[in-house]
Amino acid sequence: MKKLSIRNIYRTLKMSWYRKKFGLKNVDTTFYMGGKGVISRDLVANKYVFIGANCIIPPKVTIGKYTMFAANVSILGGDHIFNNPERPIIFSGRPDMPETNIGEDVWIGANACIMAGIEIGNGAIIAAGSIVTKSIKPYSIYGGNPAKLIRMRFNEEEMELHQKMLQKTNIDINFTKNKKH
């Protein structure tokens, strides 16, 4: 029990330091980062969001509760003007960054690239190494380059149960209880 308390104190101090270092004023106190990354100060992250090491998150990103980013996930693109024939791209400037919305209980695998300006629906899963170029519907599992639908995460009945669970304000966070394989 004592070991768990020391670990919780360490995690709390670490995240307090990260929030201060990155200027993260719009993240829940349960937000957790697994290591260094490049994260915009205006990130909005709800309860129990996890961001793995070396993630790149630009401005105008909102992440819903219970969402996990594995290591090296990047949200990028849409930030260079390339269609001015009178200037090289490097001197053409940048447009406003589009908004990117990641839903609740989303899992994004390692090394995935998400194009800025898309929406990923609640309960979706993005496979490791995927390149996501378009919005993803809720409860779908996508993978590949470009990412394509692999299958749905839940059937209709399970989707309804999951949606009800997401609406609860208190969820049992005991990781060893009720494991489903």
Protein backbone atom coordinates (compact mmCIF):
# COMPACT_ATOMS: atom_id res chain seq x y z
CA MET A 1 0.00 0.00 0.00
CA LYS A 2 2.82 2.39 0.83
CA LYS A 3 4.41 1.78 -2.59
CA LEU A 4 1.17 2.80 -4.31
CA SER A 5 1.01 6.02 -2.29
CA ILE A 6 4.55 7.02 -3.25
CA ARG A 7 3.76 6.25 -6.89
CA ASN A 8 0.62 8.40 -6.77
CA ILE A 9 2.53 11.27 -5.20
CA TYR A 10 5.22 10.98 -7.91
CA ARG A 11 2.60 10.91 -10.70
CA THR A 12 0.76 13.91 -9.22
CA LEU A 13 3.97 15.94 -8.93
CA LYS A 14 5.11 14.92 -12.42
CA MET A 15 1.82 15.94 -14.01
CA SER A 16 1.71 19.19 -12.08
CA TRP A 17 5.18 19.97 -13.45
CA TYR A 18 4.16 19.00 -17.03
CA ARG A 19 1.01 21.15 -16.84
CA LYS A 20 3.14 24.09 -15.73
CA LYS A 21 5.95 23.42 -18.25
CA PHE A 22 3.55 23.15 -21.20
CA GLY A 23 1.15 25.83 -19.89
CA LEU A 24 -1.74 23.35 -20.03
CA LYS A 25 -4.63 25.20 -18.40
CA ASN A 26 -7.45 23.31 -20.14
CA VAL A 27 -6.66 19.75 -19.08
CA ASP A 28 -8.34 17.81 -16.29
CA THR A 29 -6.32 17.02 -13.16
CA THR A 30 -6.51 13.32 -14.13
CA PHE A 31 -4.76 14.03 -17.48
CA TYR A 32 -1.50 12.11 -17.73
CA MET A 33 1.52 12.22 -20.06
CA GLY A 34 3.82 9.25 -20.40
CA GLY A 35 6.81 11.38 -21.37
CA LYS A 36 7.99 14.41 -23.28
CA GLY A 37 6.25 15.63 -26.40
CA VAL A 38 5.29 18.76 -28.31
CA ILE A 39 1.91 19.91 -27.05
CA SER A 40 0.09 23.16 -27.74
CA ARG A 41 -0.88 25.23 -24.71
CA ASP A 42 -4.52 25.36 -25.80
CA LEU A 43 -5.03 21.56 -25.65
CA VAL A 44 -8.38 20.66 -24.12
CA ALA A 45 -8.19 17.22 -22.49
CA ASN A 46 -10.97 15.78 -20.34
CA LYS A 47 -10.89 13.20 -17.53
CA TYR A 48 -8.38 10.35 -17.66
CA VAL A 49 -6.80 11.29 -21.00
CA PHE A 50 -3.40 9.65 -21.51
CA ILE A 51 -0.81 11.02 -23.94
CA GLY A 52 2.16 8.75 -24.63
CA ALA A 53 5.76 9.86 -25.03
CA ASN A 54 6.83 11.94 -28.03
CA CYS A 55 3.34 12.88 -29.20
CA ILE A 56 2.85 16.01 -31.31
CA ILE A 57 -0.38 17.91 -30.66
CA PRO A 58 -0.89 21.25 -32.46
CA PRO A 59 -3.31 24.06 -31.55
CA LYS A 60 -7.09 23.62 -31.60
CA VAL A 61 -7.26 20.00 -30.41
CA THR A 62 -9.94 18.69 -28.04
CA ILE A 63 -9.69 15.19 -26.56
CA GLY A 64 -12.64 13.49 -24.83
CA LYS A 65 -12.51 11.59 -21.55
CA TYR A 66 -10.89 8.14 -21.23
CA THR A 67 -8.93 8.55 -24.48
CA MET A 68 -5.44 7.11 -24.92
CA PHE A 69 -2.67 8.10 -27.32
CA ALA A 70 0.22 5.63 -27.54
CA ALA A 71 3.78 6.86 -28.11
CA ASN A 72 4.66 8.95 -31.16
CA VAL A 73 1.11 9.88 -32.20
CA SER A 74 1.06 13.05 -34.32
CA ILE A 75 -1.75 15.38 -35.29
CA LEU A 76 -0.50 17.39 -38.24
CA GLY A 77 -1.15 18.90 -41.64
CA GLY A 78 -3.23 21.72 -43.01
CA ASP A 79 -0.68 24.24 -41.82
CA HIS A 80 1.16 25.30 -45.00
CA ILE A 81 0.04 27.37 -47.95
CA PHE A 82 1.31 25.52 -51.00
CA ASN A 83 -0.80 26.88 -53.88
CA ASN A 84 0.85 30.29 -54.43
CA PRO A 85 2.83 30.01 -57.70
CA GLU A 86 4.74 33.23 -56.95
CA ARG A 87 6.37 32.02 -53.71
CA PRO A 88 8.18 28.95 -52.42
CA ILE A 89 6.14 27.03 -49.85
CA ILE A 90 8.54 27.99 -47.06
CA PHE A 91 7.72 31.69 -47.62
CA SER A 92 3.99 31.33 -48.40
CA GLY A 93 2.81 31.49 -44.79
CA ARG A 94 0.39 29.38 -42.84
CA PRO A 95 -3.41 29.33 -42.73
CA ASP A 96 -5.34 29.07 -39.46
CA MET A 97 -5.02 25.59 -38.00
CA PRO A 98 -8.34 23.70 -38.32
CA GLU A 99 -10.00 22.25 -35.20
CA THR A 100 -9.42 18.57 -34.45
CA ASN A 101 -11.84 16.71 -32.18
CA ILE A 102 -11.06 13.33 -30.68
CA GLY A 103 -14.04 11.66 -28.97
CA GLU A 104 -14.41 9.83 -25.67
CA ASP A 105 -12.82 6.41 -25.02
CA VAL A 106 -10.73 6.52 -28.20
CA TRP A 107 -7.53 4.49 -28.49
CA ILE A 108 -4.89 5.67 -30.96
CA GLY A 109 -2.00 3.27 -31.54
CA ALA A 110 1.71 4.06 -31.64
CA ASN A 111 3.10 6.06 -34.57
CA ALA A 112 -0.33 6.97 -35.95
CA CYS A 113 -0.65 10.24 -37.87
CA ILE A 114 -3.95 12.11 -37.65
CA MET A 115 -4.53 14.90 -40.15
CA ALA A 116 -5.55 18.15 -38.48
CA GLY A 117 -9.16 19.20 -38.90
CA ILE A 118 -10.82 15.81 -38.66
CA GLU A 119 -13.10 14.29 -36.05
CA ILE A 120 -12.69 10.87 -34.47
CA GLY A 121 -15.94 9.59 -32.95
CA ASN A 122 -16.47 8.13 -29.49
CA GLY A 123 -15.17 4.62 -28.93
CA ALA A 124 -13.08 4.48 -32.11
CA ILE A 125 -9.76 2.67 -32.35
CA ILE A 126 -6.93 3.68 -34.69
CA ALA A 127 -4.35 0.94 -35.34
CA ALA A 128 -0.64 1.58 -34.81
CA GLY A 129 1.12 3.20 -37.75
CA SER A 130 -2.10 4.35 -39.41
CA ILE A 131 -2.43 7.55 -41.44
CA VAL A 132 -5.89 9.03 -40.77
CA THR A 133 -6.93 11.41 -43.55
CA LYS A 134 -10.68 11.64 -42.96
CA SER A 135 -13.11 11.73 -40.06
CA ILE A 136 -13.77 8.43 -38.28
CA LYS A 137 -17.25 7.29 -37.22
CA PRO A 138 -17.93 6.29 -33.61
CA TYR A 139 -17.05 2.72 -32.56
CA SER A 140 -15.15 1.92 -35.73
CA ILE A 141 -11.69 0.37 -35.91
CA TYR A 142 -9.45 1.83 -38.60
CA GLY A 143 -5.95 0.93 -39.76
CA GLY A 144 -3.52 1.30 -42.64
CA ASN A 145 -2.23 4.00 -44.95
CA PRO A 146 -4.57 5.62 -45.65
CA ALA A 147 -6.60 4.28 -42.73
CA LYS A 148 -9.57 2.15 -43.78
CA LEU A 149 -12.40 0.56 -41.84
CA ILE A 150 -11.34 -2.82 -40.44
CA ARG A 151 -14.51 -3.56 -38.47
CA MET A 152 -16.82 -2.11 -35.85
CA ARG A 153 -15.76 -2.30 -32.20
CA PHE A 154 -19.24 -3.14 -30.87
CA ASN A 155 -22.58 -4.35 -32.17
CA GLU A 156 -25.65 -2.07 -31.83
CA GLU A 157 -26.62 -3.38 -28.38
CA GLU A 158 -23.08 -2.97 -27.05
CA MET A 159 -22.88 0.56 -28.51
CA GLU A 160 -25.96 1.55 -26.51
CA LEU A 161 -24.46 0.09 -23.32
CA HIS A 162 -21.19 1.91 -23.97
CA GLN A 163 -22.96 5.22 -24.61
CA LYS A 164 -24.82 4.87 -21.30
CA MET A 165 -21.54 4.13 -19.53
CA LEU A 166 -19.93 7.26 -21.02
CA GLN A 167 -22.78 9.37 -19.64
CA LYS A 168 -22.10 8.25 -16.07
CA THR A 169 -20.21 10.66 -13.84
CA ASN A 170 -18.69 7.92 -11.67
CA ILE A 171 -17.04 4.92 -13.29
CA ASP A 172 -15.34 2.10 -11.41
CA ILE A 173 -11.66 2.38 -12.29
CA ASN A 174 -10.60 -0.93 -10.76
CA PHE A 175 -8.41 -2.34 -13.56
CA THR A 176 -8.51 -5.94 -12.35
CA LYS A 177 -12.25 -6.24 -11.84
CA ASN A 178 -14.55 -7.50 -14.62
CA LYS A 179 -11.90 -8.09 -17.28
CA LYS A 180 -13.46 -9.18 -20.55
CA HIS A 181 -11.32 -11.07 -23.05
